[in-house]
Each structure stands twice: as structure tokens, then as C-alpha cells.
Amino acid sequence: PALRYRLLPPSESLQPGNAAPIYLRLEHARGQEWRKRLTEEPSEYLDMPFEDMPLEKVGKLLEFFQRELEQISAAGRRSDSSWEYVMEKQDPLLIRLADAQHMRTYGRLVSLKARYEIRKGQFDQALGTLQEGMAMAQHVARPPLLVNRLIGIAIGDRVLERLDEWVQQPGAAN
């Protein structure tokens, strides 16, 4: 039926609350090795051809980031996203947006999870992951700053690349 597959979590599944603090706590008290793995490894697997992605290695990487992925999932099901940038009496161009920039790395991690699920034929799980990624893109783009909107677009674009892979799989909805 029409609209069976939605790219955002259904409104009835949203929980009240603010997604931004959940995203911001993901990196708290993490070491250098953790940051390096988050920054480098998802991109490596996303840049290779779909059929060449090593399922066992990616599965282990996703296990390593399981807690973070659970938190991203919870944030993706929040009804609001308020980053609360201090904008009073300052030039908006001077506001530091390292938090928003770092959200790109989480977008790559979510995109990799969706790719892994698609590759394994787990289309229902992949749909949920795609929804969480699109919700993240929307959350990051909410502040009234161009940079946030551009980062949200980049995250959404990375997630939608998985949709292209999904529809090409045997047995997948297209």
C-alpha cells in the first residue's frame, strides 16, 4: 500500500523530549581509539562497493558501537531537537558548531548500520535505521543556521544512498 515505507519515524512512535542532549552525550568520556574508529572505519566500509563490504568485520564494528547506536535510535524517536546555541549579542558567524560538524560521523555510523542490514536482507531493521538517520538529519538541521542545514542535508544524503542500495536487492521493496 501507498506510504507503507516512511523515511521518518511515524509520529505515533515519537517520545516527548529533546534529541540534542542524547546526541551530545555520545562522545562524553571516550578515548582517542574510540574517536579514531568512529571517524575512520565507517567511511572505509561505506566507500567500498556494496557487494565487497566484509559482513563479519562490519558486524564487529557495529557491535563495538552498539551502545552509541542504541542512543542514536532513542534520539531519533524524540519529538524535538533544541541545540540552544547562544545567539544573543554575538555574530552568528562566530558561533562554534563543532557539535553539529561531529554529527556527520554519527550519520556515517548509522548509514553503515543500514547498509549492513540491507546486505544481510534485514529490510525491516534497515527501514528503522534509515528512519533514525533521517530523523538525525532533521534534528541537526533545525537550528536557524545555514551550516546546520548543510550538515543535515549531508547526513540525509548519506542515509539516502542506502535507499538506492536497498531497492536493488532481490526481494526488497522498490
N, C-alpha and C. Protein backbone atom coordinates (compact mmCIF):
# COMPACT_ATOMS: atom_id res chain seq x y z
N PRO A 1 0.82 -1.21 0.00
CA PRO A 1 0.00 0.00 0.00
C PRO A 1 0.86 1.26 0.00
N ALA A 2 0.27 2.31 -0.52
CA ALA A 2 0.98 3.59 -0.57
C ALA A 2 1.41 4.00 0.84
N LEU A 3 2.55 4.60 0.94
CA LEU A 3 3.10 5.12 2.19
C LEU A 3 3.41 4.04 3.22
N ARG A 4 3.60 2.81 2.79
CA ARG A 4 3.96 1.75 3.73
C ARG A 4 5.35 2.01 4.31
N TYR A 5 6.24 2.52 3.48
CA TYR A 5 7.61 2.77 3.91
C TYR A 5 7.80 4.27 4.06
N ARG A 6 7.96 4.71 5.27
CA ARG A 6 8.16 6.14 5.56
C ARG A 6 9.63 6.37 5.91
N LEU A 7 10.14 7.53 5.53
CA LEU A 7 11.55 7.82 5.77
C LEU A 7 11.81 8.52 7.09
N LEU A 8 10.76 8.84 7.81
CA LEU A 8 10.91 9.38 9.16
C LEU A 8 10.12 8.48 10.11
N PRO A 9 10.52 8.42 11.36
CA PRO A 9 9.74 7.61 12.30
C PRO A 9 8.29 8.10 12.33
N PRO A 10 7.34 7.19 12.38
CA PRO A 10 5.93 7.61 12.44
C PRO A 10 5.68 8.47 13.67
N SER A 11 4.84 9.48 13.52
CA SER A 11 4.60 10.42 14.62
C SER A 11 4.09 9.72 15.87
N GLU A 12 3.33 8.64 15.72
CA GLU A 12 2.81 7.94 16.89
C GLU A 12 3.91 7.19 17.66
N SER A 13 5.08 7.01 17.04
CA SER A 13 6.17 6.33 17.75
C SER A 13 7.12 7.30 18.44
N LEU A 14 6.91 8.61 18.25
CA LEU A 14 7.81 9.60 18.85
C LEU A 14 7.55 9.74 20.35
N GLN A 15 8.64 9.90 21.07
CA GLN A 15 8.59 10.13 22.51
C GLN A 15 8.79 11.62 22.76
N PRO A 16 8.13 12.18 23.79
CA PRO A 16 8.40 13.58 24.09
C PRO A 16 9.85 13.74 24.56
N GLY A 17 10.45 14.84 24.20
CA GLY A 17 11.80 15.10 24.68
C GLY A 17 12.70 15.68 23.60
N ASN A 18 13.89 16.04 24.03
CA ASN A 18 14.87 16.73 23.21
C ASN A 18 15.96 15.74 22.78
N ALA A 19 16.15 15.58 21.49
CA ALA A 19 17.17 14.65 20.97
C ALA A 19 18.59 15.19 21.14
N ALA A 20 18.78 16.50 21.12
CA ALA A 20 20.13 17.08 21.11
C ALA A 20 20.99 16.61 22.28
N PRO A 21 20.52 16.62 23.53
CA PRO A 21 21.40 16.17 24.61
C PRO A 21 21.80 14.70 24.48
N ILE A 22 20.94 13.89 23.91
CA ILE A 22 21.28 12.48 23.71
C ILE A 22 22.44 12.38 22.73
N TYR A 23 22.35 13.08 21.62
CA TYR A 23 23.44 13.08 20.64
C TYR A 23 24.74 13.61 21.26
N LEU A 24 24.61 14.70 22.03
CA LEU A 24 25.80 15.34 22.58
C LEU A 24 26.52 14.48 23.62
N ARG A 25 25.80 13.62 24.31
CA ARG A 25 26.44 12.76 25.31
C ARG A 25 27.14 11.56 24.72
N LEU A 26 26.94 11.29 23.45
CA LEU A 26 27.52 10.09 22.85
C LEU A 26 29.04 10.04 22.98
N GLU A 27 29.67 11.18 22.88
CA GLU A 27 31.13 11.22 22.86
C GLU A 27 31.74 11.45 24.24
N HIS A 28 30.92 11.74 25.20
CA HIS A 28 31.42 12.10 26.53
C HIS A 28 32.30 10.98 27.11
N ALA A 29 33.48 11.35 27.55
CA ALA A 29 34.43 10.45 28.23
C ALA A 29 34.88 9.29 27.34
N ARG A 30 35.03 9.52 26.06
CA ARG A 30 35.55 8.50 25.16
C ARG A 30 37.02 8.77 24.88
N GLY A 31 37.76 7.72 24.62
CA GLY A 31 39.19 7.84 24.38
C GLY A 31 39.52 8.09 22.92
N GLN A 32 40.80 8.27 22.68
CA GLN A 32 41.30 8.56 21.34
C GLN A 32 41.05 7.40 20.38
N GLU A 33 41.23 6.16 20.84
CA GLU A 33 40.99 5.00 19.96
C GLU A 33 39.53 4.97 19.52
N TRP A 34 38.61 5.24 20.43
CA TRP A 34 37.19 5.25 20.11
C TRP A 34 36.90 6.28 19.03
N ARG A 35 37.43 7.49 19.20
CA ARG A 35 37.21 8.56 18.22
C ARG A 35 37.78 8.20 16.85
N LYS A 36 38.97 7.60 16.86
CA LYS A 36 39.62 7.22 15.61
C LYS A 36 38.78 6.18 14.87
N ARG A 37 38.31 5.17 15.59
CA ARG A 37 37.48 4.12 14.96
C ARG A 37 36.20 4.72 14.40
N LEU A 38 35.57 5.61 15.16
CA LEU A 38 34.32 6.23 14.72
C LEU A 38 34.53 7.08 13.47
N THR A 39 35.64 7.77 13.42
CA THR A 39 35.92 8.68 12.31
C THR A 39 36.34 7.94 11.05
N GLU A 40 37.15 6.90 11.19
CA GLU A 40 37.77 6.28 10.02
C GLU A 40 37.04 5.05 9.49
N GLU A 41 36.67 4.12 10.37
CA GLU A 41 36.22 2.82 9.90
C GLU A 41 34.87 2.85 9.16
N PRO A 42 33.84 3.55 9.64
CA PRO A 42 32.60 3.55 8.85
C PRO A 42 32.81 4.08 7.43
N SER A 43 33.60 5.12 7.27
CA SER A 43 33.84 5.68 5.94
C SER A 43 34.52 4.66 5.03
N GLU A 44 35.45 3.91 5.59
CA GLU A 44 36.16 2.89 4.80
C GLU A 44 35.16 1.89 4.21
N TYR A 45 34.23 1.42 5.01
CA TYR A 45 33.27 0.42 4.54
C TYR A 45 32.17 1.02 3.67
N LEU A 46 31.87 2.28 3.86
CA LEU A 46 30.85 2.93 3.03
C LEU A 46 31.39 3.28 1.65
N ASP A 47 32.70 3.49 1.56
CA ASP A 47 33.30 3.88 0.28
C ASP A 47 33.55 2.70 -0.65
N MET A 48 33.52 1.48 -0.12
CA MET A 48 33.76 0.31 -0.98
C MET A 48 32.47 -0.13 -1.65
N PRO A 49 32.58 -0.87 -2.76
CA PRO A 49 31.37 -1.37 -3.41
C PRO A 49 30.51 -2.19 -2.45
N PHE A 50 29.21 -2.11 -2.61
CA PHE A 50 28.24 -2.76 -1.73
C PHE A 50 28.55 -4.24 -1.53
N GLU A 51 28.78 -4.95 -2.61
CA GLU A 51 28.99 -6.40 -2.53
C GLU A 51 30.35 -6.78 -1.94
N ASP A 52 31.29 -5.83 -1.86
CA ASP A 52 32.62 -6.11 -1.31
C ASP A 52 32.71 -5.85 0.19
N MET A 53 31.68 -5.27 0.78
CA MET A 53 31.72 -4.94 2.20
C MET A 53 31.81 -6.22 3.03
N PRO A 54 32.84 -6.36 3.87
CA PRO A 54 33.01 -7.58 4.67
C PRO A 54 32.03 -7.62 5.85
N LEU A 55 31.04 -8.48 5.74
CA LEU A 55 29.98 -8.52 6.75
C LEU A 55 30.50 -8.82 8.15
N GLU A 56 31.44 -9.72 8.27
CA GLU A 56 31.93 -10.08 9.60
C GLU A 56 32.63 -8.90 10.28
N LYS A 57 33.49 -8.20 9.56
CA LYS A 57 34.20 -7.05 10.13
C LYS A 57 33.24 -5.92 10.48
N VAL A 58 32.30 -5.66 9.58
CA VAL A 58 31.34 -4.59 9.84
C VAL A 58 30.46 -4.96 11.02
N GLY A 59 30.06 -6.22 11.11
CA GLY A 59 29.27 -6.67 12.25
C GLY A 59 29.99 -6.45 13.57
N LYS A 60 31.28 -6.72 13.60
CA LYS A 60 32.07 -6.50 14.82
C LYS A 60 32.19 -5.01 15.13
N LEU A 61 32.35 -4.20 14.10
CA LEU A 61 32.43 -2.75 14.33
C LEU A 61 31.10 -2.23 14.89
N LEU A 62 30.00 -2.68 14.33
CA LEU A 62 28.69 -2.24 14.82
C LEU A 62 28.46 -2.73 16.25
N GLU A 63 28.97 -3.91 16.58
CA GLU A 63 28.90 -4.39 17.97
C GLU A 63 29.68 -3.46 18.90
N PHE A 64 30.85 -3.02 18.45
CA PHE A 64 31.68 -2.11 19.24
C PHE A 64 30.93 -0.82 19.56
N PHE A 65 30.13 -0.34 18.61
CA PHE A 65 29.38 0.90 18.78
C PHE A 65 27.92 0.66 19.15
N GLN A 66 27.60 -0.50 19.66
CA GLN A 66 26.21 -0.86 19.96
C GLN A 66 25.54 0.14 20.91
N ARG A 67 26.22 0.52 21.98
CA ARG A 67 25.62 1.47 22.94
C ARG A 67 25.31 2.81 22.27
N GLU A 68 26.23 3.27 21.45
CA GLU A 68 26.01 4.54 20.76
C GLU A 68 24.84 4.42 19.77
N LEU A 69 24.76 3.30 19.06
CA LEU A 69 23.66 3.11 18.12
C LEU A 69 22.31 3.04 18.83
N GLU A 70 22.29 2.46 20.01
CA GLU A 70 21.05 2.43 20.81
C GLU A 70 20.63 3.84 21.21
N GLN A 71 21.59 4.66 21.59
CA GLN A 71 21.30 6.04 21.97
C GLN A 71 20.84 6.86 20.75
N ILE A 72 21.48 6.64 19.61
CA ILE A 72 21.07 7.33 18.38
C ILE A 72 19.63 6.94 18.03
N SER A 73 19.32 5.67 18.20
CA SER A 73 17.96 5.20 17.95
C SER A 73 16.96 5.91 18.87
N ALA A 74 17.31 6.02 20.14
CA ALA A 74 16.43 6.72 21.09
C ALA A 74 16.28 8.19 20.71
N ALA A 75 17.37 8.83 20.32
CA ALA A 75 17.31 10.25 19.92
C ALA A 75 16.46 10.42 18.67
N GLY A 76 16.55 9.48 17.75
CA GLY A 76 15.79 9.56 16.51
C GLY A 76 14.29 9.46 16.73
N ARG A 77 13.89 9.01 17.90
CA ARG A 77 12.47 8.86 18.21
C ARG A 77 11.99 9.93 19.20
N ARG A 78 12.74 11.02 19.31
CA ARG A 78 12.32 12.15 20.14
C ARG A 78 11.57 13.16 19.28
N SER A 79 10.65 13.85 19.91
CA SER A 79 9.78 14.77 19.19
C SER A 79 10.41 16.13 18.92
N ASP A 80 11.50 16.44 19.59
CA ASP A 80 12.07 17.77 19.46
C ASP A 80 13.59 17.68 19.39
N SER A 81 14.19 18.77 18.94
CA SER A 81 15.64 18.88 18.90
C SER A 81 15.99 20.35 19.09
N SER A 82 16.44 20.69 20.28
CA SER A 82 16.79 22.07 20.58
C SER A 82 18.26 22.12 21.01
N TRP A 83 19.09 22.69 20.16
CA TRP A 83 20.54 22.73 20.40
C TRP A 83 20.92 23.91 21.29
N GLU A 84 20.06 24.87 21.43
CA GLU A 84 20.23 26.02 22.33
C GLU A 84 21.57 26.73 22.18
N TYR A 85 21.87 27.09 20.95
CA TYR A 85 23.07 27.90 20.72
C TYR A 85 22.82 29.30 21.29
N VAL A 86 23.81 29.85 21.94
CA VAL A 86 23.71 31.20 22.49
C VAL A 86 23.93 32.17 21.33
N MET A 87 22.88 32.90 21.01
CA MET A 87 22.94 33.78 19.85
C MET A 87 22.80 35.25 20.23
N GLU A 88 22.54 35.52 21.50
CA GLU A 88 22.36 36.90 21.93
C GLU A 88 23.69 37.65 21.86
N LYS A 89 23.63 38.83 21.30
CA LYS A 89 24.75 39.78 21.29
C LYS A 89 26.04 39.21 20.70
N GLN A 90 25.92 38.36 19.69
CA GLN A 90 27.13 37.91 19.01
C GLN A 90 26.82 37.65 17.54
N ASP A 91 27.86 37.72 16.76
CA ASP A 91 27.74 37.47 15.33
C ASP A 91 27.49 35.98 15.12
N PRO A 92 26.40 35.60 14.45
CA PRO A 92 26.11 34.19 14.22
C PRO A 92 27.23 33.46 13.49
N LEU A 93 28.03 34.19 12.73
CA LEU A 93 29.14 33.55 12.01
C LEU A 93 30.25 33.11 12.95
N LEU A 94 30.26 33.62 14.18
CA LEU A 94 31.31 33.26 15.13
C LEU A 94 30.89 32.16 16.10
N ILE A 95 29.69 31.65 15.96
CA ILE A 95 29.23 30.58 16.84
C ILE A 95 29.95 29.29 16.46
N ARG A 96 30.53 28.65 17.45
CA ARG A 96 31.25 27.39 17.20
C ARG A 96 30.24 26.26 17.05
N LEU A 97 30.42 25.49 15.99
CA LEU A 97 29.47 24.43 15.67
C LEU A 97 30.15 23.07 15.58
N ALA A 98 31.14 22.84 16.43
CA ALA A 98 31.84 21.56 16.40
C ALA A 98 30.89 20.40 16.67
N ASP A 99 29.89 20.62 17.52
CA ASP A 99 28.93 19.56 17.81
C ASP A 99 28.17 19.16 16.55
N ALA A 100 27.71 20.13 15.79
CA ALA A 100 26.99 19.83 14.56
C ALA A 100 27.91 19.16 13.54
N GLN A 101 29.13 19.66 13.43
CA GLN A 101 30.08 19.04 12.50
C GLN A 101 30.34 17.59 12.86
N HIS A 102 30.43 17.31 14.17
CA HIS A 102 30.71 15.94 14.60
C HIS A 102 29.54 15.00 14.32
N MET A 103 28.35 15.54 14.16
CA MET A 103 27.19 14.70 13.88
C MET A 103 27.35 13.97 12.54
N ARG A 104 28.18 14.48 11.66
CA ARG A 104 28.44 13.78 10.39
C ARG A 104 29.00 12.38 10.65
N THR A 105 29.86 12.25 11.66
CA THR A 105 30.45 10.94 11.94
C THR A 105 29.37 9.96 12.41
N TYR A 106 28.42 10.44 13.20
CA TYR A 106 27.33 9.57 13.63
C TYR A 106 26.42 9.23 12.45
N GLY A 107 26.27 10.17 11.54
CA GLY A 107 25.49 9.90 10.33
C GLY A 107 26.12 8.78 9.51
N ARG A 108 27.46 8.77 9.43
CA ARG A 108 28.14 7.69 8.70
C ARG A 108 27.95 6.36 9.41
N LEU A 109 27.99 6.36 10.74
CA LEU A 109 27.80 5.13 11.50
C LEU A 109 26.40 4.56 11.27
N VAL A 110 25.39 5.41 11.32
CA VAL A 110 24.01 4.97 11.08
C VAL A 110 23.86 4.47 9.64
N SER A 111 24.47 5.17 8.72
CA SER A 111 24.42 4.75 7.32
C SER A 111 25.06 3.38 7.13
N LEU A 112 26.17 3.14 7.81
CA LEU A 112 26.83 1.84 7.74
C LEU A 112 25.94 0.75 8.32
N LYS A 113 25.28 1.04 9.42
CA LYS A 113 24.38 0.05 10.03
C LYS A 113 23.26 -0.31 9.05
N ALA A 114 22.68 0.70 8.40
CA ALA A 114 21.63 0.43 7.42
C ALA A 114 22.17 -0.41 6.26
N ARG A 115 23.37 -0.09 5.81
CA ARG A 115 23.97 -0.85 4.70
C ARG A 115 24.18 -2.31 5.10
N TYR A 116 24.65 -2.52 6.29
CA TYR A 116 24.87 -3.87 6.81
C TYR A 116 23.55 -4.64 6.85
N GLU A 117 22.51 -4.00 7.36
CA GLU A 117 21.20 -4.66 7.46
C GLU A 117 20.63 -4.96 6.07
N ILE A 118 20.81 -4.05 5.15
CA ILE A 118 20.34 -4.28 3.78
C ILE A 118 21.10 -5.45 3.16
N ARG A 119 22.40 -5.45 3.34
CA ARG A 119 23.24 -6.52 2.78
C ARG A 119 22.84 -7.88 3.34
N LYS A 120 22.42 -7.93 4.60
CA LYS A 120 22.00 -9.18 5.23
C LYS A 120 20.54 -9.52 4.93
N GLY A 121 19.84 -8.65 4.19
CA GLY A 121 18.44 -8.89 3.85
C GLY A 121 17.49 -8.59 4.99
N GLN A 122 17.94 -7.83 5.97
CA GLN A 122 17.11 -7.46 7.13
C GLN A 122 16.42 -6.13 6.83
N PHE A 123 15.44 -6.17 5.93
CA PHE A 123 14.86 -4.93 5.42
C PHE A 123 14.03 -4.18 6.45
N ASP A 124 13.34 -4.88 7.33
CA ASP A 124 12.56 -4.18 8.37
C ASP A 124 13.48 -3.42 9.32
N GLN A 125 14.60 -4.05 9.72
CA GLN A 125 15.56 -3.36 10.59
C GLN A 125 16.20 -2.18 9.85
N ALA A 126 16.49 -2.39 8.57
CA ALA A 126 17.10 -1.32 7.78
C ALA A 126 16.16 -0.11 7.68
N LEU A 127 14.86 -0.38 7.54
CA LEU A 127 13.90 0.72 7.48
C LEU A 127 13.95 1.55 8.77
N GLY A 128 13.98 0.89 9.92
CA GLY A 128 14.08 1.61 11.19
C GLY A 128 15.36 2.42 11.27
N THR A 129 16.46 1.85 10.80
CA THR A 129 17.75 2.56 10.83
C THR A 129 17.72 3.76 9.88
N LEU A 130 17.13 3.58 8.71
CA LEU A 130 17.01 4.71 7.78
C LEU A 130 16.17 5.83 8.39
N GLN A 131 15.11 5.47 9.08
CA GLN A 131 14.27 6.47 9.73
C GLN A 131 15.06 7.22 10.79
N GLU A 132 15.86 6.50 11.57
CA GLU A 132 16.68 7.14 12.61
C GLU A 132 17.70 8.09 11.98
N GLY A 133 18.28 7.68 10.86
CA GLY A 133 19.24 8.54 10.17
C GLY A 133 18.60 9.79 9.61
N MET A 134 17.41 9.65 9.05
CA MET A 134 16.71 10.82 8.51
C MET A 134 16.23 11.73 9.64
N ALA A 135 15.83 11.14 10.75
CA ALA A 135 15.47 11.97 11.91
C ALA A 135 16.68 12.74 12.41
N MET A 136 17.84 12.08 12.43
CA MET A 136 19.07 12.77 12.85
C MET A 136 19.35 13.94 11.92
N ALA A 137 19.22 13.73 10.63
CA ALA A 137 19.45 14.81 9.66
C ALA A 137 18.51 15.98 9.94
N GLN A 138 17.27 15.66 10.21
CA GLN A 138 16.28 16.69 10.50
C GLN A 138 16.61 17.40 11.82
N HIS A 139 17.01 16.66 12.83
CA HIS A 139 17.36 17.26 14.13
C HIS A 139 18.55 18.22 13.99
N VAL A 140 19.57 17.80 13.26
CA VAL A 140 20.77 18.63 13.11
C VAL A 140 20.44 19.90 12.33
N ALA A 141 19.50 19.81 11.39
CA ALA A 141 19.17 20.95 10.53
C ALA A 141 18.22 21.95 11.19
N ARG A 142 17.72 21.67 12.37
CA ARG A 142 16.70 22.54 12.99
C ARG A 142 17.18 23.94 13.38
N PRO A 143 18.37 24.12 13.92
CA PRO A 143 18.76 25.49 14.30
C PRO A 143 18.74 26.41 13.08
N PRO A 144 18.50 27.69 13.32
CA PRO A 144 18.37 28.64 12.21
C PRO A 144 19.73 29.10 11.67
N LEU A 145 20.61 28.15 11.43
CA LEU A 145 21.94 28.46 10.92
C LEU A 145 22.18 27.67 9.63
N LEU A 146 22.73 28.31 8.65
CA LEU A 146 22.97 27.67 7.36
C LEU A 146 23.86 26.44 7.50
N VAL A 147 24.90 26.52 8.31
CA VAL A 147 25.82 25.40 8.47
C VAL A 147 25.08 24.16 8.98
N ASN A 148 24.20 24.34 9.94
CA ASN A 148 23.43 23.21 10.45
C ASN A 148 22.56 22.60 9.34
N ARG A 149 21.97 23.44 8.56
CA ARG A 149 21.12 22.93 7.47
C ARG A 149 21.95 22.15 6.46
N LEU A 150 23.15 22.65 6.15
CA LEU A 150 24.01 21.94 5.21
C LEU A 150 24.48 20.60 5.77
N ILE A 151 24.77 20.57 7.06
CA ILE A 151 25.18 19.31 7.69
C ILE A 151 24.00 18.33 7.70
N GLY A 152 22.81 18.82 7.99
CA GLY A 152 21.63 17.97 7.95
C GLY A 152 21.42 17.39 6.56
N ILE A 153 21.61 18.20 5.53
CA ILE A 153 21.49 17.72 4.15
C ILE A 153 22.53 16.65 3.87
N ALA A 154 23.76 16.85 4.32
CA ALA A 154 24.83 15.87 4.09
C ALA A 154 24.51 14.54 4.77
N ILE A 155 24.00 14.59 6.00
CA ILE A 155 23.64 13.36 6.71
C ILE A 155 22.49 12.66 5.98
N GLY A 156 21.47 13.42 5.59
CA GLY A 156 20.35 12.84 4.86
C GLY A 156 20.78 12.22 3.54
N ASP A 157 21.69 12.89 2.84
CA ASP A 157 22.19 12.36 1.57
C ASP A 157 22.90 11.03 1.77
N ARG A 158 23.72 10.95 2.81
CA ARG A 158 24.46 9.71 3.10
C ARG A 158 23.48 8.58 3.43
N VAL A 159 22.45 8.88 4.16
CA VAL A 159 21.45 7.88 4.52
C VAL A 159 20.66 7.45 3.28
N LEU A 160 20.30 8.40 2.44
CA LEU A 160 19.51 8.06 1.25
C LEU A 160 20.30 7.23 0.23
N GLU A 161 21.63 7.30 0.28
CA GLU A 161 22.43 6.42 -0.57
C GLU A 161 22.10 4.95 -0.27
N ARG A 162 21.79 4.67 0.98
CA ARG A 162 21.43 3.30 1.36
C ARG A 162 20.11 2.89 0.73
N LEU A 163 19.22 3.83 0.57
CA LEU A 163 17.93 3.54 -0.06
C LEU A 163 18.14 3.06 -1.50
N ASP A 164 19.07 3.67 -2.19
CA ASP A 164 19.41 3.23 -3.55
C ASP A 164 19.89 1.78 -3.54
N GLU A 165 20.70 1.43 -2.56
CA GLU A 165 21.18 0.05 -2.47
C GLU A 165 20.05 -0.92 -2.13
N TRP A 166 19.15 -0.47 -1.26
CA TRP A 166 18.05 -1.32 -0.82
C TRP A 166 17.17 -1.76 -2.00
N VAL A 167 16.74 -0.80 -2.81
CA VAL A 167 15.80 -1.12 -3.88
C VAL A 167 16.42 -2.02 -4.96
N GLN A 168 17.72 -2.16 -4.96
CA GLN A 168 18.39 -3.01 -5.94
C GLN A 168 18.53 -4.46 -5.47
N GLN A 169 18.15 -4.73 -4.23
CA GLN A 169 18.32 -6.08 -3.68
C GLN A 169 17.15 -6.98 -4.03
N PRO A 170 17.43 -8.25 -4.34
CA PRO A 170 16.35 -9.19 -4.60
C PRO A 170 15.44 -9.32 -3.38
N GLY A 171 14.15 -9.28 -3.58
CA GLY A 171 13.20 -9.41 -2.50
C GLY A 171 12.91 -8.13 -1.74
N ALA A 172 13.58 -7.06 -2.10
CA ALA A 172 13.35 -5.78 -1.40
C ALA A 172 12.24 -5.01 -2.10
N ALA A 173 11.55 -4.19 -1.32
CA ALA A 173 10.53 -3.32 -1.88
C ALA A 173 11.22 -2.30 -2.79
N ASN A 174 10.63 -2.03 -3.89
CA ASN A 174 11.17 -0.99 -4.78
C ASN A 174 10.05 -0.35 -5.57
